[in-house]
Amino acid sequence: MTVRGRRWWGVAGAAVVAAAVGVALLVGSGGDRATAGATPTMLVIGDSISANYLDEPGSPLQAWWSLVADELGYEPTVLAEAGSGYQRPGAGCRGSSFPNRPGVFAQPPPTVIVVEGGRNDWARCDGLDLVPVPSGDVLVAADTFLRTLTETYPDARIVVLAPPWGPLQQQYVDRVTEAVETAAERNGCEFVRMDGVLTAGRTPDGVHPDVNGSRAIAEKVLTALQQP
């Protein structure tokens, strides 16, 4: 995978804030990119695995989506918030879940949408406490969100990633992944498995990827997007 240089969208400051307090991360305005002959666009909806990283080629914090965008020539818009998921709000249970994230359903029609998340959906927020939820709740939340997403952007290619899961909290991975996969299939979205991507050697804290982990995620996404 080669990475080409691409325009800098001023994301470094936003990513640092996102990493510190879990606020949503927006890269690029998207406002004038839907014209005929414009550069293809990629909308990314995600959690900290997308929010805590940079659109800076060569940086050890370069995001997986930045690697994908560089390789395929996309201009990315990233709406990601640490701690969030299909049903769980981010930023200490005070932020936004995917369906409630500002701007998710108000973008110029993107070429591709990639949904990265579900890792946090093993639990729901009870005040500021986290309470484990059954897989059925995750399925309902993911199904509802993806149905709305496909209805809002009927011409976009929608790719749903299995939750990239490091070695921590492995007891939840199978049921959450199954729920997200079922929701993706129900709504005609492409589903990309992430088995073996975030190994212990690629996740310094057991959850978040280092540069090799982000590259491994990017390679999986690139393989999927390069298929006809």
C-alpha atoms as a PDB file:
ATOM      1  CA  MET A   1       0.000   0.000   0.000  1.00  0.00           C
ATOM      2  CA  THR A   2       1.506   3.285  -1.078  1.00  0.00           C
ATOM      3  CA  VAL A   3       0.388   6.564   0.428  1.00  0.00           C
ATOM      4  CA  ARG A   4       0.177   9.688  -1.674  1.00  0.00           C
ATOM      5  CA  GLY A   5       0.376  13.206  -0.358  1.00  0.00           C
ATOM      6  CA  ARG A   6      -2.950  15.005   0.033  1.00  0.00           C
ATOM      7  CA  ARG A   7      -4.218  18.383   1.090  1.00  0.00           C
ATOM      8  CA  TRP A   8      -3.949  19.148   4.820  1.00  0.00           C
ATOM      9  CA  TRP A   9      -7.359  19.980   6.304  1.00  0.00           C
ATOM     10  CA  GLY A  10      -6.219  21.379   9.644  1.00  0.00           C
ATOM     11  CA  VAL A  11      -7.233  18.333  11.643  1.00  0.00           C
ATOM     12  CA  ALA A  12      -4.325  18.150  14.082  1.00  0.00           C
ATOM     13  CA  GLY A  13      -5.811  20.492  16.665  1.00  0.00           C
ATOM     14  CA  ALA A  14      -9.222  18.870  16.397  1.00  0.00           C
ATOM     15  CA  ALA A  15      -7.740  15.403  16.811  1.00  0.00           C
ATOM     16  CA  VAL A  16      -5.814  16.420  19.915  1.00  0.00           C
ATOM     17  CA  VAL A  17      -9.015  17.796  21.430  1.00  0.00           C
ATOM     18  CA  ALA A  18     -10.882  14.648  20.402  1.00  0.00           C
ATOM     19  CA  ALA A  19      -8.272  12.461  22.050  1.00  0.00           C
ATOM     20  CA  ALA A  20      -8.414  14.488  25.250  1.00  0.00           C
ATOM     21  CA  VAL A  21     -12.128  15.028  25.736  1.00  0.00           C
ATOM     22  CA  GLY A  22     -13.860  12.838  23.150  1.00  0.00           C
ATOM     23  CA  VAL A  23     -15.552  15.556  21.143  1.00  0.00           C
ATOM     24  CA  ALA A  24     -16.681  14.930  17.580  1.00  0.00           C
ATOM     25  CA  LEU A  25     -14.007  15.319  14.909  1.00  0.00           C
ATOM     26  CA  LEU A  26     -14.826  16.968  11.584  1.00  0.00           C
ATOM     27  CA  VAL A  27     -12.324  16.895   8.717  1.00  0.00           C
ATOM     28  CA  GLY A  28     -13.190  18.988   5.693  1.00  0.00           C
ATOM     29  CA  SER A  29     -16.392  20.921   5.231  1.00  0.00           C
ATOM     30  CA  GLY A  30     -17.811  18.868   2.379  1.00  0.00           C
ATOM     31  CA  GLY A  31     -19.815  21.912   1.371  1.00  0.00           C
ATOM     32  CA  ASP A  32     -18.574  22.274  -2.204  1.00  0.00           C
ATOM     33  CA  ARG A  33     -17.433  18.767  -2.986  1.00  0.00           C
ATOM     34  CA  ALA A  34     -20.602  17.345  -4.544  1.00  0.00           C
ATOM     35  CA  THR A  35     -20.242  19.073  -7.904  1.00  0.00           C
ATOM     36  CA  ALA A  36     -19.799  17.180 -11.160  1.00  0.00           C
ATOM     37  CA  GLY A  37     -16.238  16.003 -11.652  1.00  0.00           C
ATOM     38  CA  ALA A  38     -15.272  16.757  -8.050  1.00  0.00           C
ATOM     39  CA  THR A  39     -12.895  14.591  -6.062  1.00  0.00           C
ATOM     40  CA  PRO A  40     -14.695  11.537  -4.648  1.00  0.00           C
ATOM     41  CA  THR A  41     -15.604  11.897  -0.990  1.00  0.00           C
ATOM     42  CA  MET A  42     -15.586   9.568   1.978  1.00  0.00           C
ATOM     43  CA  LEU A  43     -17.757  10.077   5.058  1.00  0.00           C
ATOM     44  CA  VAL A  44     -16.428   8.288   8.145  1.00  0.00           C
ATOM     45  CA  ILE A  45     -18.604   7.755  11.209  1.00  0.00           C
ATOM     46  CA  GLY A  46     -16.815   6.313  14.201  1.00  0.00           C
ATOM     47  CA  ASP A  47     -15.460   6.257  17.718  1.00  0.00           C
ATOM     48  CA  SER A  48     -12.013   6.927  19.214  1.00  0.00           C
ATOM     49  CA  ILE A  49     -10.335   4.540  16.769  1.00  0.00           C
ATOM     50  CA  SER A  50     -11.198   7.178  14.171  1.00  0.00           C
ATOM     51  CA  ALA A  51     -11.315  10.336  16.316  1.00  0.00           C
ATOM     52  CA  ASN A  52      -8.009  10.151  18.162  1.00  0.00           C
ATOM     53  CA  TYR A  53      -5.785  10.250  15.076  1.00  0.00           C
ATOM     54  CA  LEU A  54      -4.453  12.659  12.459  1.00  0.00           C
ATOM     55  CA  ASP A  55      -4.788  13.338   8.755  1.00  0.00           C
ATOM     56  CA  GLU A  56      -1.010  13.716   8.558  1.00  0.00           C
ATOM     57  CA  PRO A  57       0.940  11.394   6.222  1.00  0.00           C
ATOM     58  CA  GLY A  58       3.991   9.940   7.916  1.00  0.00           C
ATOM     59  CA  SER A  59       2.838  10.752  11.440  1.00  0.00           C
ATOM     60  CA  PRO A  60       2.783   7.914  13.999  1.00  0.00           C
ATOM     61  CA  LEU A  61      -0.779   9.098  14.676  1.00  0.00           C
ATOM     62  CA  GLN A  62      -1.924   9.006  11.062  1.00  0.00           C
ATOM     63  CA  ALA A  63      -5.470   7.666  11.046  1.00  0.00           C
ATOM     64  CA  TRP A  64      -6.592   4.553   9.210  1.00  0.00           C
ATOM     65  CA  TRP A  65      -9.063   6.697   7.252  1.00  0.00           C
ATOM     66  CA  SER A  66      -6.278   9.089   6.271  1.00  0.00           C
ATOM     67  CA  LEU A  67      -4.285   6.171   4.856  1.00  0.00           C
ATOM     68  CA  VAL A  68      -7.341   5.010   2.904  1.00  0.00           C
ATOM     69  CA  ALA A  69      -8.090   8.495   1.601  1.00  0.00           C
ATOM     70  CA  ASP A  70      -4.477   9.015   0.517  1.00  0.00           C
ATOM     71  CA  GLU A  71      -4.397   5.716  -1.337  1.00  0.00           C
ATOM     72  CA  LEU A  72      -7.714   6.114  -3.152  1.00  0.00           C
ATOM     73  CA  GLY A  73      -7.760   9.877  -3.639  1.00  0.00           C
ATOM     74  CA  TYR A  74     -10.793  10.572  -1.439  1.00  0.00           C
ATOM     75  CA  GLU A  75     -11.451  13.758   0.478  1.00  0.00           C
ATOM     76  CA  PRO A  76     -12.598  12.660   3.950  1.00  0.00           C
ATOM     77  CA  THR A  77     -15.225  14.046   6.248  1.00  0.00           C
ATOM     78  CA  VAL A  78     -14.852  12.413   9.659  1.00  0.00           C
ATOM     79  CA  LEU A  79     -17.594  12.524  12.289  1.00  0.00           C
ATOM     80  CA  ALA A  80     -16.092  10.545  15.147  1.00  0.00           C
ATOM     81  CA  GLU A  81     -16.304  10.775  18.912  1.00  0.00           C
ATOM     82  CA  ALA A  82     -14.437   8.824  21.562  1.00  0.00           C
ATOM     83  CA  GLY A  83     -16.568   6.483  23.656  1.00  0.00           C
ATOM     84  CA  SER A  84     -19.503   6.471  21.265  1.00  0.00           C
ATOM     85  CA  GLY A  85     -21.320   3.784  19.323  1.00  0.00           C
ATOM     86  CA  TYR A  86     -24.593   2.842  17.685  1.00  0.00           C
ATOM     87  CA  GLN A  87     -26.482   3.286  20.960  1.00  0.00           C
ATOM     88  CA  ARG A  88     -23.918   4.659  23.375  1.00  0.00           C
ATOM     89  CA  PRO A  89     -23.136   8.368  23.628  1.00  0.00           C
ATOM     90  CA  GLY A  90     -19.499   9.345  23.815  1.00  0.00           C
ATOM     91  CA  ALA A  91     -17.553  11.881  25.864  1.00  0.00           C
ATOM     92  CA  GLY A  92     -18.250  10.447  29.302  1.00  0.00           C
ATOM     93  CA  CYS A  93     -21.845   9.490  28.484  1.00  0.00           C
ATOM     94  CA  ARG A  94     -22.641  13.123  27.686  1.00  0.00           C
ATOM     95  CA  GLY A  95     -21.737  13.132  24.029  1.00  0.00           C
ATOM     96  CA  SER A  96     -23.475  11.789  20.921  1.00  0.00           C
ATOM     97  CA  SER A  97     -24.182   8.313  19.620  1.00  0.00           C
ATOM     98  CA  PHE A  98     -23.933   7.697  15.870  1.00  0.00           C
ATOM     99  CA  PRO A  99     -27.633   8.464  15.156  1.00  0.00           C
ATOM    100  CA  ASN A 100     -27.522  11.674  17.190  1.00  0.00           C
ATOM    101  CA  ARG A 101     -24.218  13.004  15.902  1.00  0.00           C
ATOM    102  CA  PRO A 102     -24.572  16.470  14.389  1.00  0.00           C
ATOM    103  CA  GLY A 103     -24.128  16.433  10.639  1.00  0.00           C
ATOM    104  CA  VAL A 104     -24.360  12.682  10.072  1.00  0.00           C
ATOM    105  CA  PHE A 105     -27.557  12.967   8.028  1.00  0.00           C
ATOM    106  CA  ALA A 106     -26.828  16.392   6.553  1.00  0.00           C
ATOM    107  CA  GLN A 107     -23.792  15.866   4.308  1.00  0.00           C
ATOM    108  CA  PRO A 108     -23.479  16.468   0.581  1.00  0.00           C
ATOM    109  CA  PRO A 109     -23.973  13.010  -0.992  1.00  0.00           C
ATOM    110  CA  PRO A 110     -20.714  11.132  -0.337  1.00  0.00           C
ATOM    111  CA  THR A 111     -19.165   8.623  -2.697  1.00  0.00           C
ATOM    112  CA  VAL A 112     -18.406   6.183   0.117  1.00  0.00           C
ATOM    113  CA  ILE A 113     -19.506   5.931   3.734  1.00  0.00           C
ATOM    114  CA  VAL A 114     -17.474   3.888   6.205  1.00  0.00           C
ATOM    115  CA  VAL A 115     -18.984   3.158   9.608  1.00  0.00           C
ATOM    116  CA  GLU A 116     -16.361   2.177  12.187  1.00  0.00           C
ATOM    117  CA  GLY A 117     -17.748   1.345  15.596  1.00  0.00           C
ATOM    118  CA  GLY A 118     -19.564  -0.935  17.975  1.00  0.00           C
ATOM    119  CA  ARG A 119     -16.610  -1.461  20.296  1.00  0.00           C
ATOM    120  CA  ASN A 120     -18.290   0.671  22.953  1.00  0.00           C
ATOM    121  CA  ASP A 121     -21.750  -0.815  22.520  1.00  0.00           C
ATOM    122  CA  TRP A 122     -21.170  -3.654  24.967  1.00  0.00           C
ATOM    123  CA  ALA A 123     -22.599  -1.241  27.533  1.00  0.00           C
ATOM    124  CA  ARG A 124     -25.183   1.515  27.832  1.00  0.00           C
ATOM    125  CA  CYS A 125     -24.966   4.634  29.933  1.00  0.00           C
ATOM    126  CA  ASP A 126     -26.867   4.673  33.235  1.00  0.00           C
ATOM    127  CA  GLY A 127     -26.085   8.191  34.307  1.00  0.00           C
ATOM    128  CA  LEU A 128     -22.308   8.157  34.249  1.00  0.00           C
ATOM    129  CA  ASP A 129     -22.124   4.414  34.891  1.00  0.00           C
ATOM    130  CA  LEU A 130     -21.800   1.722  32.231  1.00  0.00           C
ATOM    131  CA  VAL A 131     -24.199  -1.216  32.312  1.00  0.00           C
ATOM    132  CA  PRO A 132     -23.747  -4.244  29.988  1.00  0.00           C
ATOM    133  CA  VAL A 133     -26.513  -4.605  27.402  1.00  0.00           C
ATOM    134  CA  PRO A 134     -27.865  -7.665  25.584  1.00  0.00           C
ATOM    135  CA  SER A 135     -26.876  -8.143  21.980  1.00  0.00           C
ATOM    136  CA  GLY A 136     -30.488  -7.550  20.925  1.00  0.00           C
ATOM    137  CA  ASP A 137     -30.223  -3.936  22.002  1.00  0.00           C
ATOM    138  CA  VAL A 138     -27.105  -3.495  19.909  1.00  0.00           C
ATOM    139  CA  LEU A 139     -28.837  -5.082  16.923  1.00  0.00           C
ATOM    140  CA  VAL A 140     -31.845  -2.771  17.180  1.00  0.00           C
ATOM    141  CA  ALA A 141     -29.648   0.322  17.459  1.00  0.00           C
ATOM    142  CA  ALA A 142     -27.349  -0.675  14.587  1.00  0.00           C
ATOM    143  CA  ASP A 143     -30.248  -1.751  12.378  1.00  0.00           C
ATOM    144  CA  THR A 144     -32.130   1.501  12.932  1.00  0.00           C
ATOM    145  CA  PHE A 145     -29.065   3.646  12.287  1.00  0.00           C
ATOM    146  CA  LEU A 146     -27.985   1.816   9.134  1.00  0.00           C
ATOM    147  CA  ARG A 147     -31.519   1.846   7.738  1.00  0.00           C
ATOM    148  CA  THR A 148     -31.678   5.618   8.171  1.00  0.00           C
ATOM    149  CA  LEU A 149     -28.207   5.988   6.684  1.00  0.00           C
ATOM    150  CA  THR A 150     -29.094   3.995   3.563  1.00  0.00           C
ATOM    151  CA  GLU A 151     -32.326   5.945   3.135  1.00  0.00           C
ATOM    152  CA  THR A 152     -30.521   9.273   3.521  1.00  0.00           C
ATOM    153  CA  TYR A 153     -27.690   8.401   1.102  1.00  0.00           C
ATOM    154  CA  PRO A 154     -29.218   5.902  -1.359  1.00  0.00           C
ATOM    155  CA  ASP A 155     -26.434   6.307  -3.944  1.00  0.00           C
ATOM    156  CA  ALA A 156     -23.478   5.973  -1.573  1.00  0.00           C
ATOM    157  CA  ARG A 157     -21.450   2.818  -1.171  1.00  0.00           C
ATOM    158  CA  ILE A 158     -21.821   1.991   2.528  1.00  0.00           C
ATOM    159  CA  VAL A 159     -19.163  -0.127   4.205  1.00  0.00           C
ATOM    160  CA  VAL A 160     -19.624  -1.273   7.800  1.00  0.00           C
ATOM    161  CA  LEU A 161     -16.565  -2.432   9.707  1.00  0.00           C
ATOM    162  CA  ALA A 162     -16.705  -5.147  12.315  1.00  0.00           C
ATOM    163  CA  PRO A 163     -15.724  -3.387  15.534  1.00  0.00           C
ATOM    164  CA  PRO A 164     -11.901  -3.267  15.545  1.00  0.00           C
ATOM    165  CA  TRP A 165     -11.305  -5.002  18.859  1.00  0.00           C
ATOM    166  CA  GLY A 166      -8.078  -5.152  20.841  1.00  0.00           C
ATOM    167  CA  PRO A 167      -7.347  -7.680  23.584  1.00  0.00           C
ATOM    168  CA  LEU A 168      -9.387  -5.964  26.324  1.00  0.00           C
ATOM    169  CA  GLN A 169     -13.013  -6.999  27.051  1.00  0.00           C
ATOM    170  CA  GLN A 170     -12.896  -9.932  24.667  1.00  0.00           C
ATOM    171  CA  GLN A 171     -15.940 -11.418  26.389  1.00  0.00           C
ATOM    172  CA  TYR A 172     -18.128  -8.991  24.432  1.00  0.00           C
ATOM    173  CA  VAL A 173     -16.585  -9.157  20.981  1.00  0.00           C
ATOM    174  CA  ASP A 174     -18.580 -12.024  19.468  1.00  0.00           C
ATOM    175  CA  ARG A 175     -22.060 -10.857  20.380  1.00  0.00           C
ATOM    176  CA  VAL A 176     -21.450  -7.226  19.462  1.00  0.00           C
ATOM    177  CA  THR A 177     -19.808  -8.169  16.159  1.00  0.00           C
ATOM    178  CA  GLU A 178     -22.657 -10.533  15.299  1.00  0.00           C
ATOM    179  CA  ALA A 179     -25.221  -7.809  15.977  1.00  0.00           C
ATOM    180  CA  VAL A 180     -23.400  -5.279  13.777  1.00  0.00           C
ATOM    181  CA  GLU A 181     -22.947  -7.842  10.993  1.00  0.00           C
ATOM    182  CA  THR A 182     -26.633  -8.799  11.056  1.00  0.00           C
ATOM    183  CA  ALA A 183     -27.665  -5.138  10.887  1.00  0.00           C
ATOM    184  CA  ALA A 184     -25.310  -4.517   7.957  1.00  0.00           C
ATOM    185  CA  GLU A 185     -26.696  -7.496   6.040  1.00  0.00           C
ATOM    186  CA  ARG A 186     -30.302  -6.484   6.704  1.00  0.00           C
ATOM    187  CA  ASN A 187     -29.674  -3.079   5.177  1.00  0.00           C
ATOM    188  CA  GLY A 188     -27.615  -4.157   2.177  1.00  0.00           C
ATOM    189  CA  CYS A 189     -24.346  -2.695   3.486  1.00  0.00           C
ATOM    190  CA  GLU A 190     -20.967  -4.250   2.866  1.00  0.00           C
ATOM    191  CA  PHE A 191     -19.493  -5.802   6.004  1.00  0.00           C
ATOM    192  CA  VAL A 192     -15.746  -6.010   6.570  1.00  0.00           C
ATOM    193  CA  ARG A 193     -14.431  -8.338   9.258  1.00  0.00           C
ATOM    194  CA  MET A 194     -11.530  -7.191  11.428  1.00  0.00           C
ATOM    195  CA  ASP A 195     -10.343 -10.532  12.758  1.00  0.00           C
ATOM    196  CA  GLY A 196      -6.728 -10.401  13.917  1.00  0.00           C
ATOM    197  CA  VAL A 197      -6.260  -6.708  13.134  1.00  0.00           C
ATOM    198  CA  LEU A 198      -5.741  -5.190  16.587  1.00  0.00           C
ATOM    199  CA  THR A 199      -3.352  -7.643  18.179  1.00  0.00           C
ATOM    200  CA  ALA A 200      -1.704  -6.986  21.529  1.00  0.00           C
ATOM    201  CA  GLY A 201       1.387  -5.802  19.683  1.00  0.00           C
ATOM    202  CA  ARG A 202      -0.615  -3.175  17.777  1.00  0.00           C
ATOM    203  CA  THR A 203      -2.628  -1.752  20.698  1.00  0.00           C
ATOM    204  CA  PRO A 204      -0.482  -0.128  23.394  1.00  0.00           C
ATOM    205  CA  ASP A 205      -3.463   0.141  25.772  1.00  0.00           C
ATOM    206  CA  GLY A 206      -5.334  -2.961  24.637  1.00  0.00           C
ATOM    207  CA  VAL A 207      -7.944  -0.914  22.767  1.00  0.00           C
ATOM    208  CA  HIS A 208      -6.502   1.791  20.506  1.00  0.00           C
ATOM    209  CA  PRO A 209      -4.226   1.074  17.542  1.00  0.00           C
ATOM    210  CA  ASP A 210      -0.653   2.230  17.184  1.00  0.00           C
ATOM    211  CA  VAL A 211       0.583   3.129  13.708  1.00  0.00           C
ATOM    212  CA  ASN A 212       0.754  -0.541  12.714  1.00  0.00           C
ATOM    213  CA  GLY A 213      -2.761  -1.130  13.986  1.00  0.00           C
ATOM    214  CA  SER A 214      -4.094   1.804  11.971  1.00  0.00           C
ATOM    215  CA  ARG A 215      -2.296   0.478   8.906  1.00  0.00           C
ATOM    216  CA  ALA A 216      -3.815  -2.957   9.460  1.00  0.00           C
ATOM    217  CA  ILE A 217      -7.315  -1.477   9.620  1.00  0.00           C
ATOM    218  CA  ALA A 218      -6.599   0.585   6.499  1.00  0.00           C
ATOM    219  CA  GLU A 219      -5.452  -2.481   4.589  1.00  0.00           C
ATOM    220  CA  LYS A 220      -8.698  -4.295   5.377  1.00  0.00           C
ATOM    221  CA  VAL A 221     -10.757  -1.290   4.242  1.00  0.00           C
ATOM    222  CA  LEU A 222      -8.681  -0.828   1.105  1.00  0.00           C
ATOM    223  CA  THR A 223      -9.108  -4.473   0.160  1.00  0.00           C
ATOM    224  CA  ALA A 224     -12.869  -4.091   0.463  1.00  0.00           C
ATOM    225  CA  LEU A 225     -13.087  -0.780  -1.400  1.00  0.00           C
ATOM    226  CA  GLN A 226     -10.880  -1.971  -4.235  1.00  0.00           C
ATOM    227  CA  GLN A 227     -13.293  -4.809  -4.966  1.00  0.00           C
ATOM    228  CA  PRO A 228     -15.831  -4.038  -7.702  1.00  0.00           C
END
